[in-house]
Amino acid sequence: MKAFLMHREEDFDLQRPSPPQAAALVQDLELQVLFEAMARGDDFLLKVAQQAILSSLEDLDAIRYRQEILQDCLRNPAVVRAIYQIPIEAMLNRRTGWMGIFGSYPGGILSGAVQMVQMFMDLLKRLKQIADEHADQFQSAGFTRFFAMLREELSDDYFTEVQAHLEQLRFKNGVLISINLGKGNESAGYVLRKPHNSDQNWLERLMAPKPQTFTFRIHPRDDHGARAVSEIRNRGINLAANALAQSSDHIESFMTMLRIELAFYIGCLNLAEQLTELGAPITFPTPAPTGGRRHAFRGLYDACLALTLRGNIVGNDATADHKDLVIITGANQGGKSTFLRSIGLAQLLMACGMFVPAESFHANLCRGLFSHFRREEDVTMESGKLEEELSRMSDIVDWVRPDSMVLFNESFAATNEREGSEIAWQVVRALLERRVKVFFVTHLHQFARVFYDRNLDSAFFLRAERRADGSRTFRLNPGKPLPTSYGADLYAQLFETRPELGACVSKP
């Protein structure tokens, strides 16, 4: 049995290596906030969320397959959580009741396997009952196939047959084994036999022909004889014990994978519930092929910031279709970095089949998402800030491919305006020549103005809004780069000029 709730034809690989530059992406986009919101204190959910979100899909059909399943989950959260509890219970029962207590001899293996399979049968019956009661509430191809598989493979006849086999394998009336004599009269050819027909009434059993048999009994104090009989029994049931243990492992493997794949959707439910409580909108994005250039959204916001501040965040609207380069400039503390994180987060969530924090979102997929954000001063640095920035850029270049996306946040600003602008210009021009999509937040006016003056059809410019009184709306609008970032506004927020003293003092 296979769940196939993450991929159409394969299991989800929880041990897959993280993509290159994943650690930087988690740090720059503050993804740990999102992971913890999805996990709600559950380490396993945290691990699955990290793996799923960082393992982007590049196939439109695969993304739509997950989107449809997640939409089913959002419509039926109680049912999905009930299904998820079944593999959780199987894991707990396995850990507390049967982990390593039966040893490695055939009798112990068989006894443990019988109890394990019996426990699994009880849980599978509950799973089948859920399928029978709620299958018609699900519309996605993934869940439709999952429930159909349960109904087909877990029929009443199946449970009846398995239960009958388990009763036989308990050997309440002893074990029937046939043995041949081999070379040197050593025993060979151990075969476990079905017990005699127990459905006959007493008269049929009395009148039935009796096979010629010889019987002997072991004396209660004959330890050597008891061990010999035990050895014969173990050799006779060895194949049955191994076969049943393999069956138990097969069911356990199904439960384990069901838990892993449902964990992703449980994390999505947790996140959706929290964003809904905050009044923050979510929507299922419309992905476009990788080679295209599509980026249009309404009400896009940074979900990590909303979860941190526990409130609704100002969203942004823009249409940047057919653009390779988006340059964001404007006032300090105007929401530029927050907007850049919202772009990266939405791209990741779309590429793993999730909803995105926006009212609507349309974008093309990318072959790898990379971030190059300005770092704070670090006393452990062995080189200057500019050299450290260039080193990180070199690492990104080693992995970037055509149709990748790179997010820059105040990059190359650790030097003067002229030198920083020249470095940024050279780097961005090289990326654009390789068909890499670039979002760049910058205060380097010379760099931004060079691209603006060229009037490139493939470039799009956004500017953080600043009102006449200096207040910020945290919205970004199309606009040309300005030679100022209004640092004086920040100064005025921190200090109040007192002409009569000829000095500045902090505001109370």
Protein backbone atom coordinates (compact mmCIF):
# COMPACT_ATOMS: atom_id res chain seq x y z
CA MET A 1 0.00 0.00 0.00
CA LYS A 2 1.16 3.51 -0.82
CA ALA A 3 -0.24 6.85 0.31
CA PHE A 4 1.12 9.02 -2.55
CA LEU A 5 -0.10 12.24 -0.93
CA MET A 6 3.01 14.32 -1.69
CA HIS A 7 3.95 13.02 -5.14
CA ARG A 8 1.81 11.36 -7.75
CA GLU A 9 4.02 8.28 -8.19
CA GLU A 10 6.67 8.32 -5.46
CA ASP A 11 7.11 8.59 -1.71
CA PHE A 12 8.26 11.78 -0.05
CA ASP A 13 11.97 11.62 0.81
CA LEU A 14 12.46 13.04 4.29
CA GLN A 15 16.22 12.36 4.13
CA ARG A 16 16.83 14.28 0.93
CA PRO A 17 19.84 16.66 1.28
CA SER A 18 19.00 20.33 1.64
CA PRO A 19 19.45 22.45 -1.49
CA PRO A 20 22.52 24.67 -1.79
CA GLN A 21 22.40 27.93 0.16
CA ALA A 22 19.38 26.69 2.17
CA ALA A 23 20.83 27.94 5.47
CA ALA A 24 21.24 31.46 4.09
CA LEU A 25 17.69 31.40 2.74
CA VAL A 26 16.30 30.34 6.12
CA GLN A 27 18.21 33.14 7.84
CA ASP A 28 17.44 35.89 5.34
CA LEU A 29 13.73 35.13 4.96
CA GLU A 30 13.33 34.36 8.69
CA LEU A 31 11.81 31.03 7.77
CA GLN A 32 12.30 29.57 11.24
CA VAL A 33 9.28 31.61 12.35
CA LEU A 34 7.18 29.94 9.66
CA PHE A 35 8.48 26.44 10.47
CA GLU A 36 7.69 26.85 14.16
CA ALA A 37 4.21 28.12 13.38
CA MET A 38 3.58 25.01 11.28
CA ALA A 39 5.03 22.71 13.94
CA ARG A 40 3.35 24.16 17.04
CA GLY A 41 5.97 22.55 19.24
CA ASP A 42 6.08 19.20 17.42
CA ASP A 43 9.67 18.38 16.39
CA PHE A 44 8.53 15.92 13.73
CA LEU A 45 6.22 18.46 12.09
CA LEU A 46 9.09 20.95 12.21
CA LYS A 47 11.40 18.55 10.38
CA VAL A 48 8.84 17.74 7.68
CA ALA A 49 7.97 21.43 7.17
CA GLN A 50 11.62 22.35 6.69
CA GLN A 51 12.22 19.54 4.22
CA ALA A 52 9.05 20.14 2.19
CA ILE A 53 9.36 23.92 1.90
CA LEU A 54 13.04 23.92 1.01
CA SER A 55 12.58 21.11 -1.56
CA SER A 56 10.96 23.13 -4.30
CA LEU A 57 9.10 21.50 -7.17
CA GLU A 58 9.74 22.59 -10.74
CA ASP A 59 6.80 20.78 -12.36
CA LEU A 60 3.43 22.49 -12.69
CA ASP A 61 1.46 19.24 -12.52
CA ALA A 62 3.21 18.21 -9.30
CA ILE A 63 2.42 21.57 -7.70
CA ARG A 64 -1.25 21.44 -8.70
CA TYR A 65 -1.44 17.86 -7.38
CA ARG A 66 -0.39 19.07 -3.91
CA GLN A 67 -2.52 22.18 -4.08
CA GLU A 68 -5.66 20.13 -4.68
CA ILE A 69 -4.83 17.82 -1.76
CA LEU A 70 -4.19 20.79 0.52
CA GLN A 71 -7.49 22.37 -0.53
CA ASP A 72 -9.20 19.12 0.49
CA CYS A 73 -7.41 19.32 3.84
CA LEU A 74 -8.56 22.89 4.41
CA ARG A 75 -12.16 21.83 3.68
CA ASN A 76 -11.94 18.78 5.96
CA PRO A 77 -9.42 19.55 8.72
CA ALA A 78 -11.05 17.32 11.36
CA VAL A 79 -11.04 14.27 9.06
CA VAL A 80 -7.41 14.79 8.06
CA ARG A 81 -6.34 15.18 11.69
CA ALA A 82 -8.23 11.98 12.56
CA ILE A 83 -6.38 10.10 9.80
CA TYR A 84 -3.07 11.52 11.04
CA GLN A 85 -3.69 10.19 14.55
CA ILE A 86 -3.79 6.59 13.25
CA PRO A 87 -0.09 6.35 12.26
CA ILE A 88 0.78 8.34 15.40
CA GLU A 89 -0.98 5.70 17.50
CA ALA A 90 0.72 2.91 15.55
CA MET A 91 4.12 4.47 16.26
CA LEU A 92 3.38 4.87 19.97
CA ASN A 93 2.10 1.29 20.28
CA ARG A 94 5.14 0.01 18.42
CA ARG A 95 7.47 1.93 20.72
CA THR A 96 5.84 1.05 24.02
CA GLY A 97 4.63 -2.48 23.38
CA TRP A 98 6.87 -4.39 21.01
CA MET A 99 10.24 -2.71 20.64
CA GLY A 100 12.87 -5.41 21.03
CA ILE A 101 11.20 -7.46 23.78
CA PHE A 102 10.74 -10.74 21.85
CA GLY A 103 14.37 -11.46 21.04
CA SER A 104 15.55 -12.91 17.74
CA TYR A 105 14.43 -16.56 17.93
CA PRO A 106 11.54 -17.69 15.68
CA GLY A 107 9.06 -18.24 18.52
CA GLY A 108 9.58 -14.72 19.85
CA ILE A 109 9.52 -13.19 16.38
CA LEU A 110 6.25 -14.96 15.55
CA SER A 111 4.60 -14.00 18.84
CA GLY A 112 5.60 -10.36 18.46
CA ALA A 113 4.60 -10.26 14.81
CA VAL A 114 1.17 -11.73 15.57
CA GLN A 115 0.51 -9.03 18.16
CA MET A 116 1.90 -6.29 15.90
CA VAL A 117 -0.24 -7.32 12.94
CA GLN A 118 -3.29 -7.58 15.20
CA MET A 119 -2.68 -4.02 16.40
CA PHE A 120 -2.22 -2.83 12.82
CA MET A 121 -5.44 -4.55 11.75
CA ASP A 122 -7.39 -2.67 14.40
CA LEU A 123 -5.93 0.63 13.18
CA LEU A 124 -6.48 -0.21 9.53
CA LYS A 125 -10.13 -0.95 10.30
CA ARG A 126 -10.44 2.56 11.73
CA LEU A 127 -8.74 3.98 8.65
CA LYS A 128 -11.09 2.04 6.40
CA GLN A 129 -14.07 3.31 8.38
CA ILE A 130 -12.95 6.90 7.86
CA ALA A 131 -12.62 6.21 4.13
CA ASP A 132 -16.12 4.74 3.98
CA GLU A 133 -17.68 7.65 5.88
CA HIS A 134 -15.87 10.66 4.42
CA ALA A 135 -14.43 9.77 0.99
CA ASP A 136 -17.19 11.63 -0.83
CA GLN A 137 -16.11 14.89 0.89
CA PHE A 138 -12.73 14.87 -0.90
CA GLN A 139 -12.26 15.92 -4.50
CA SER A 140 -8.51 15.86 -5.18
CA ALA A 141 -6.92 13.15 -7.30
CA GLY A 142 -4.57 12.28 -4.45
CA PHE A 143 -7.20 11.67 -1.79
CA THR A 144 -9.58 10.04 -4.27
CA ARG A 145 -6.93 7.47 -5.15
CA PHE A 146 -5.93 7.06 -1.49
CA PHE A 147 -9.46 6.26 -0.35
CA ALA A 148 -10.07 3.99 -3.35
CA MET A 149 -6.93 2.06 -2.46
CA LEU A 150 -8.14 1.62 1.11
CA ARG A 151 -11.56 0.39 0.01
CA GLU A 152 -10.05 -2.04 -2.50
CA GLU A 153 -7.23 -3.50 -0.40
CA LEU A 154 -8.91 -3.38 3.01
CA SER A 155 -12.12 -5.23 2.22
CA ASP A 156 -14.14 -7.14 4.80
CA ASP A 157 -12.93 -10.40 3.25
CA TYR A 158 -9.34 -9.26 3.72
CA PHE A 159 -9.82 -8.59 7.43
CA THR A 160 -11.64 -11.91 7.90
CA GLU A 161 -8.86 -13.85 6.19
CA VAL A 162 -6.10 -12.08 8.10
CA GLN A 163 -7.89 -12.67 11.40
CA ALA A 164 -8.20 -16.37 10.61
CA HIS A 165 -4.49 -16.64 9.84
CA LEU A 166 -3.59 -14.82 13.06
CA GLU A 167 -5.71 -17.23 15.07
CA GLN A 168 -3.94 -20.19 13.47
CA LEU A 169 -0.52 -18.66 14.07
CA ARG A 170 -1.21 -18.39 17.78
CA PHE A 171 -1.02 -22.23 17.85
CA LYS A 172 -3.37 -22.62 20.79
CA ASN A 173 -3.59 -26.39 20.11
CA GLY A 174 0.08 -26.91 19.38
CA VAL A 175 2.19 -26.88 16.22
CA LEU A 176 1.89 -29.46 13.43
CA ILE A 177 5.24 -29.95 11.68
CA SER A 178 6.45 -32.57 9.22
CA ILE A 179 10.12 -33.55 9.16
CA ASN A 180 12.10 -35.87 6.90
CA LEU A 181 15.21 -37.82 7.71
CA GLY A 182 18.29 -36.61 5.90
CA LYS A 183 21.86 -37.84 5.70
CA GLY A 184 23.01 -39.65 8.81
CA ASN A 185 19.39 -39.71 9.98
CA GLU A 186 19.54 -35.98 10.72
CA SER A 187 16.25 -34.14 10.58
CA ALA A 188 15.61 -32.16 7.39
CA GLY A 189 12.79 -30.66 5.37
CA TYR A 190 10.89 -28.92 8.16
CA VAL A 191 7.40 -27.97 6.95
CA LEU A 192 4.73 -26.22 8.98
CA ARG A 193 1.38 -27.93 8.33
CA LYS A 194 -2.16 -26.73 8.64
CA PRO A 195 -3.89 -28.13 11.72
CA HIS A 196 -6.44 -30.90 11.33
CA ASN A 197 -9.94 -29.85 10.33
CA SER A 198 -11.57 -28.59 13.51
CA ASP A 199 -14.96 -27.97 11.88
CA GLN A 200 -16.00 -31.63 12.19
CA ASN A 201 -18.50 -32.56 14.90
CA TRP A 202 -17.64 -35.17 17.53
CA LEU A 203 -19.22 -38.01 15.53
CA GLU A 204 -17.30 -37.15 12.36
CA ARG A 205 -14.08 -36.97 14.31
CA LEU A 206 -14.85 -40.35 15.94
CA MET A 207 -15.61 -42.10 12.66
CA ALA A 208 -12.81 -40.51 10.65
CA PRO A 209 -9.88 -42.83 9.77
CA LYS A 210 -6.93 -42.35 12.08
CA PRO A 211 -3.45 -42.05 10.61
CA GLN A 212 -0.78 -44.26 12.09
CA THR A 213 1.09 -42.16 14.63
CA PHE A 214 3.56 -42.61 17.40
CA THR A 215 3.41 -40.46 20.48
CA PHE A 216 5.95 -39.74 23.16
CA ARG A 217 5.93 -37.29 26.04
CA ILE A 218 8.76 -35.30 27.57
CA HIS A 219 9.25 -35.73 31.27
CA PRO A 220 8.62 -32.45 33.11
CA ARG A 221 12.18 -32.52 34.46
CA ASP A 222 13.84 -33.38 31.15
CA ASP A 223 15.41 -30.01 30.32
CA HIS A 224 17.45 -31.35 27.42
CA GLY A 225 14.38 -32.93 25.86
CA ALA A 226 12.40 -29.70 26.28
CA ARG A 227 15.15 -27.73 24.57
CA ALA A 228 15.22 -30.26 21.71
CA VAL A 229 11.46 -29.97 21.19
CA SER A 230 11.72 -26.17 21.38
CA GLU A 231 14.40 -26.23 18.71
CA ILE A 232 12.22 -28.41 16.47
CA ARG A 233 9.31 -26.02 16.98
CA ASN A 234 11.45 -22.95 16.17
CA ARG A 235 12.84 -24.53 13.00
CA GLY A 236 9.34 -25.54 11.93
CA ILE A 237 7.80 -22.09 12.39
CA ASN A 238 10.83 -20.15 11.15
CA LEU A 239 9.48 -19.45 7.66
CA ALA A 240 6.07 -18.46 9.00
CA ALA A 241 7.66 -16.18 11.59
CA ASN A 242 9.77 -14.42 8.97
CA ALA A 243 6.86 -14.08 6.55
CA LEU A 244 4.60 -12.56 9.20
CA ALA A 245 7.39 -10.25 10.40
CA GLN A 246 7.82 -9.03 6.82
CA SER A 247 4.07 -8.42 6.58
CA SER A 248 4.23 -6.45 9.81
CA ASP A 249 7.13 -4.42 8.45
CA HIS A 250 5.19 -3.70 5.26
CA ILE A 251 2.21 -2.33 7.19
CA GLU A 252 4.51 -0.38 9.48
CA SER A 253 6.23 1.14 6.44
CA PHE A 254 2.86 2.27 5.11
CA MET A 255 2.00 3.83 8.47
CA THR A 256 5.37 5.59 8.65
CA MET A 257 5.02 7.10 5.18
CA LEU A 258 1.40 8.08 5.83
CA ARG A 259 2.55 9.92 8.94
CA ILE A 260 5.34 11.71 7.06
CA GLU A 261 3.18 12.82 4.16
CA LEU A 262 0.22 13.89 6.26
CA ALA A 263 2.57 15.80 8.59
CA PHE A 264 3.15 18.33 5.81
CA TYR A 265 -0.58 19.00 5.47
CA ILE A 266 -1.07 19.12 9.25
CA GLY A 267 1.62 21.82 9.34
CA CYS A 268 -0.20 23.70 6.58
CA LEU A 269 -3.44 23.49 8.57
CA ASN A 270 -1.67 24.85 11.65
CA LEU A 271 -0.29 27.78 9.65
CA ALA A 272 -3.59 28.55 7.94
CA GLU A 273 -5.42 28.56 11.27
CA GLN A 274 -2.96 31.03 12.79
CA LEU A 275 -3.00 33.41 9.82
CA THR A 276 -6.78 33.28 9.72
CA GLU A 277 -6.93 34.18 13.42
CA LEU A 278 -4.79 37.23 12.64
CA GLY A 279 -7.13 38.27 9.84
CA ALA A 280 -4.35 37.78 7.30
CA PRO A 281 -5.46 36.54 3.87
CA ILE A 282 -4.14 33.43 2.13
CA THR A 283 -4.63 32.31 -1.45
CA PHE A 284 -3.59 29.50 -3.73
CA PRO A 285 -1.16 30.88 -6.31
CA THR A 286 -1.24 30.35 -10.04
CA PRO A 287 2.19 29.06 -11.08
CA ALA A 288 3.57 29.65 -14.56
CA PRO A 289 6.25 27.65 -16.39
CA THR A 290 9.86 28.16 -15.37
CA GLY A 291 10.97 29.77 -18.60
CA GLY A 292 8.33 32.51 -18.49
CA ARG A 293 8.45 35.83 -16.69
CA ARG A 294 5.30 36.30 -14.64
CA HIS A 295 4.95 38.19 -11.39
CA ALA A 296 1.64 39.77 -10.44
CA PHE A 297 0.15 39.93 -6.96
CA ARG A 298 -2.30 41.76 -4.76
CA GLY A 299 -2.08 42.14 -0.99
CA LEU A 300 1.26 40.29 -0.75
CA TYR A 301 2.69 40.41 2.79
CA ASP A 302 5.39 38.81 4.91
CA ALA A 303 3.71 36.02 6.88
CA CYS A 304 6.72 35.61 9.17
CA LEU A 305 6.43 39.25 10.26
CA ALA A 306 2.67 38.84 10.79
CA LEU A 307 3.29 35.80 12.99
CA THR A 308 5.97 37.64 14.95
CA LEU A 309 3.93 40.82 15.53
CA ARG A 310 0.68 38.85 15.92
CA GLY A 311 -1.21 41.18 13.63
CA ASN A 312 -2.20 41.88 10.04
CA ILE A 313 0.56 43.34 7.87
CA VAL A 314 0.26 45.92 5.10
CA GLY A 315 0.21 44.13 1.76
CA ASN A 316 1.55 45.28 -1.58
CA ASP A 317 0.24 45.14 -5.14
CA ALA A 318 2.33 45.02 -8.30
CA THR A 319 2.38 43.66 -11.83
CA ALA A 320 5.89 42.86 -13.05
CA ASP A 321 5.12 40.48 -15.90
CA HIS A 322 7.83 40.02 -18.55
CA LYS A 323 10.45 41.51 -16.20
CA ASP A 324 13.86 40.05 -15.38
CA LEU A 325 14.87 42.76 -12.93
CA VAL A 326 12.95 44.48 -10.14
CA ILE A 327 14.77 47.27 -8.29
CA ILE A 328 13.27 48.53 -5.03
CA THR A 329 14.35 51.90 -3.65
CA GLY A 330 12.90 54.55 -1.39
CA ALA A 331 12.72 55.77 2.17
CA ASN A 332 14.48 54.07 5.05
CA GLN A 333 12.19 51.93 7.21
CA GLY A 334 9.63 52.01 4.41
CA GLY A 335 9.07 48.26 4.14
CA LYS A 336 11.52 47.39 1.35
CA SER A 337 13.25 44.48 3.13
CA THR A 338 9.91 43.18 4.37
CA PHE A 339 8.58 43.25 0.82
CA LEU A 340 11.65 41.38 -0.45
CA ARG A 341 11.13 38.67 2.16
CA SER A 342 7.48 38.40 1.13
CA ILE A 343 8.58 37.81 -2.48
CA GLY A 344 10.97 35.04 -1.48
CA LEU A 345 8.52 33.42 0.93
CA ALA A 346 5.68 33.39 -1.61
CA GLN A 347 7.99 31.86 -4.22
CA LEU A 348 8.99 29.04 -1.85
CA LEU A 349 5.45 28.31 -0.70
CA MET A 350 4.12 28.28 -4.25
CA ALA A 351 6.88 25.90 -5.36
CA CYS A 352 6.05 23.35 -2.65
CA GLY A 353 2.31 23.33 -3.37
CA MET A 354 1.14 25.53 -0.50
CA PHE A 355 -1.01 28.62 -0.26
CA VAL A 356 0.75 32.00 -0.13
CA PRO A 357 0.19 35.04 2.12
CA ALA A 358 -1.62 37.32 -0.32
CA GLU A 359 -5.00 38.08 -1.80
CA SER A 360 -3.81 36.82 -5.19
CA PHE A 361 -0.46 35.70 -6.55
CA HIS A 362 0.74 34.71 -10.02
CA ALA A 363 4.40 33.95 -10.75
CA ASN A 364 6.64 31.74 -12.80
CA LEU A 365 8.55 28.93 -11.13
CA CYS A 366 12.31 29.22 -10.77
CA ARG A 367 15.19 26.74 -10.84
CA GLY A 368 16.58 27.61 -7.44
CA LEU A 369 15.98 30.55 -5.10
CA PHE A 370 18.98 32.36 -3.60
CA SER A 371 19.32 35.30 -1.22
CA HIS A 372 22.13 37.78 -0.66
CA PHE A 373 21.19 39.96 2.29
CA ARG A 374 23.36 42.43 4.13
CA ARG A 375 24.77 40.91 7.30
CA GLU A 376 25.28 42.64 10.62
CA GLU A 377 28.81 43.11 11.89
CA ASP A 378 30.22 39.81 13.12
CA VAL A 379 33.22 39.72 15.45
CA THR A 380 34.08 36.26 14.12
CA MET A 381 34.65 37.57 10.61
CA GLU A 382 38.17 37.00 9.37
CA SER A 383 37.84 39.55 6.58
CA GLY A 384 36.11 42.85 5.85
CA LYS A 385 32.38 43.14 5.16
CA LEU A 386 32.80 43.77 1.45
CA GLU A 387 35.08 40.78 1.06
CA GLU A 388 32.57 38.67 2.99
CA GLU A 389 29.76 39.84 0.70
CA LEU A 390 31.76 39.02 -2.41
CA SER A 391 32.61 35.59 -1.00
CA ARG A 392 28.92 34.81 -0.45
CA MET A 393 28.14 36.06 -3.96
CA SER A 394 30.80 33.73 -5.35
CA ASP A 395 29.15 30.80 -3.56
CA ILE A 396 25.78 31.69 -5.10
CA VAL A 397 27.27 31.91 -8.59
CA ASP A 398 28.57 28.36 -8.21
CA TRP A 399 24.98 27.09 -7.92
CA VAL A 400 22.85 29.54 -9.88
CA ARG A 401 21.32 28.34 -13.17
CA PRO A 402 19.30 29.98 -15.94
CA ASP A 403 15.80 30.78 -14.67
CA SER A 404 16.96 30.90 -11.06
CA MET A 405 15.95 33.82 -8.84
CA VAL A 406 18.28 35.89 -6.65
CA LEU A 407 17.11 38.30 -3.94
CA PHE A 408 19.53 41.12 -3.03
CA ASN A 409 19.02 43.25 0.07
CA GLU A 410 21.36 46.25 0.44
CA SER A 411 24.16 44.21 -1.11
CA PHE A 412 27.60 45.72 -1.80
CA ALA A 413 26.87 48.78 0.35
CA ALA A 414 29.89 48.14 2.59
CA THR A 415 31.99 50.46 0.45
CA ASN A 416 31.48 53.90 -1.10
CA GLU A 417 28.60 54.72 -3.45
CA ARG A 418 30.66 54.63 -6.63
CA GLU A 419 32.46 51.36 -5.97
CA GLY A 420 29.35 49.63 -4.58
CA SER A 421 27.28 50.71 -7.59
CA GLU A 422 29.91 49.42 -10.01
CA ILE A 423 30.09 46.02 -8.28
CA ALA A 424 26.28 45.73 -8.17
CA TRP A 425 26.03 46.72 -11.84
CA GLN A 426 28.57 44.10 -12.93
CA VAL A 427 26.98 41.33 -10.87
CA VAL A 428 23.39 42.05 -11.94
CA ARG A 429 24.32 42.45 -15.61
CA ALA A 430 26.05 39.06 -15.58
CA LEU A 431 23.03 37.40 -13.94
CA LEU A 432 20.62 38.94 -16.43
CA GLU A 433 22.74 37.67 -19.30
CA ARG A 434 22.30 34.18 -17.83
CA ARG A 435 18.50 34.67 -17.69
CA VAL A 436 18.45 34.88 -13.90
CA LYS A 437 15.55 36.79 -12.34
CA VAL A 438 16.70 39.46 -9.88
CA PHE A 439 14.98 41.43 -7.11
CA PHE A 440 17.28 44.10 -5.68
CA VAL A 441 16.63 46.37 -2.68
CA THR A 442 19.22 49.15 -2.68
CA HIS A 443 20.20 52.64 -1.53
CA LEU A 444 22.88 52.80 -4.23
CA HIS A 445 21.35 55.55 -6.35
CA GLN A 446 23.99 55.41 -9.08
CA PHE A 447 23.39 51.69 -9.57
CA ALA A 448 19.59 52.03 -9.70
CA ARG A 449 19.73 55.11 -11.94
CA VAL A 450 21.92 53.38 -14.54
CA PHE A 451 19.25 50.75 -15.14
CA TYR A 452 16.43 53.32 -15.00
CA ASP A 453 18.06 55.65 -17.54
CA ARG A 454 18.52 52.78 -19.97
CA ASN A 455 14.72 52.43 -20.07
CA LEU A 456 14.92 48.63 -20.26
CA ASP A 457 11.67 46.82 -21.01
CA SER A 458 12.80 43.98 -18.77
CA ALA A 459 13.33 46.21 -15.70
CA PHE A 460 10.69 47.26 -13.18
CA PHE A 461 11.12 49.88 -10.44
CA LEU A 462 9.32 50.12 -7.11
CA ARG A 463 9.72 52.81 -4.47
CA ALA A 464 8.75 52.76 -0.80
CA GLU A 465 6.03 55.31 -0.19
CA ARG A 466 6.71 58.34 2.03
CA ARG A 467 4.05 60.90 2.85
CA ALA A 468 4.74 64.62 2.92
CA ASP A 469 4.88 64.59 6.73
CA GLY A 470 7.57 61.92 6.65
CA SER A 471 5.33 59.02 7.74
CA ARG A 472 5.66 55.62 6.07
CA THR A 473 2.76 53.64 4.69
CA PHE A 474 4.90 50.51 4.17
CA ARG A 475 3.51 50.26 0.67
CA LEU A 476 5.59 50.12 -2.50
CA ASN A 477 4.51 51.82 -5.71
CA PRO A 478 6.03 52.01 -9.18
CA GLY A 479 8.44 54.92 -9.26
CA LYS A 480 11.88 56.04 -10.39
CA PRO A 481 14.82 55.91 -7.97
CA LEU A 482 15.39 59.06 -5.93
CA PRO A 483 18.80 60.34 -4.79
CA THR A 484 17.73 60.27 -1.14
CA SER A 485 16.51 57.62 1.30
CA TYR A 486 15.29 60.28 3.74
CA GLY A 487 17.72 59.44 6.49
CA ALA A 488 16.80 62.77 8.09
CA ASP A 489 13.39 61.30 8.89
CA LEU A 490 15.03 58.63 11.02
CA TYR A 491 17.14 61.28 12.70
CA ALA A 492 14.00 63.27 13.49
CA GLN A 493 12.36 60.18 14.99
CA LEU A 494 15.22 59.76 17.43
CA PHE A 495 16.09 63.37 18.19
CA GLU A 496 14.22 66.62 18.65
CA THR A 497 16.01 69.85 17.76
CA ARG A 498 15.94 72.60 20.42
CA PRO A 499 17.23 75.82 18.80
CA GLU A 500 17.44 77.67 22.06
CA LEU A 501 20.04 75.17 23.28
CA GLY A 502 21.70 74.75 19.93
CA ALA A 503 21.71 70.99 20.47
CA CYS A 504 19.66 67.83 20.03
CA VAL A 505 18.15 65.75 22.81
CA SER A 506 16.38 62.45 22.74
CA LYS A 507 12.63 62.49 22.62
CA PRO A 508 10.98 61.26 25.82
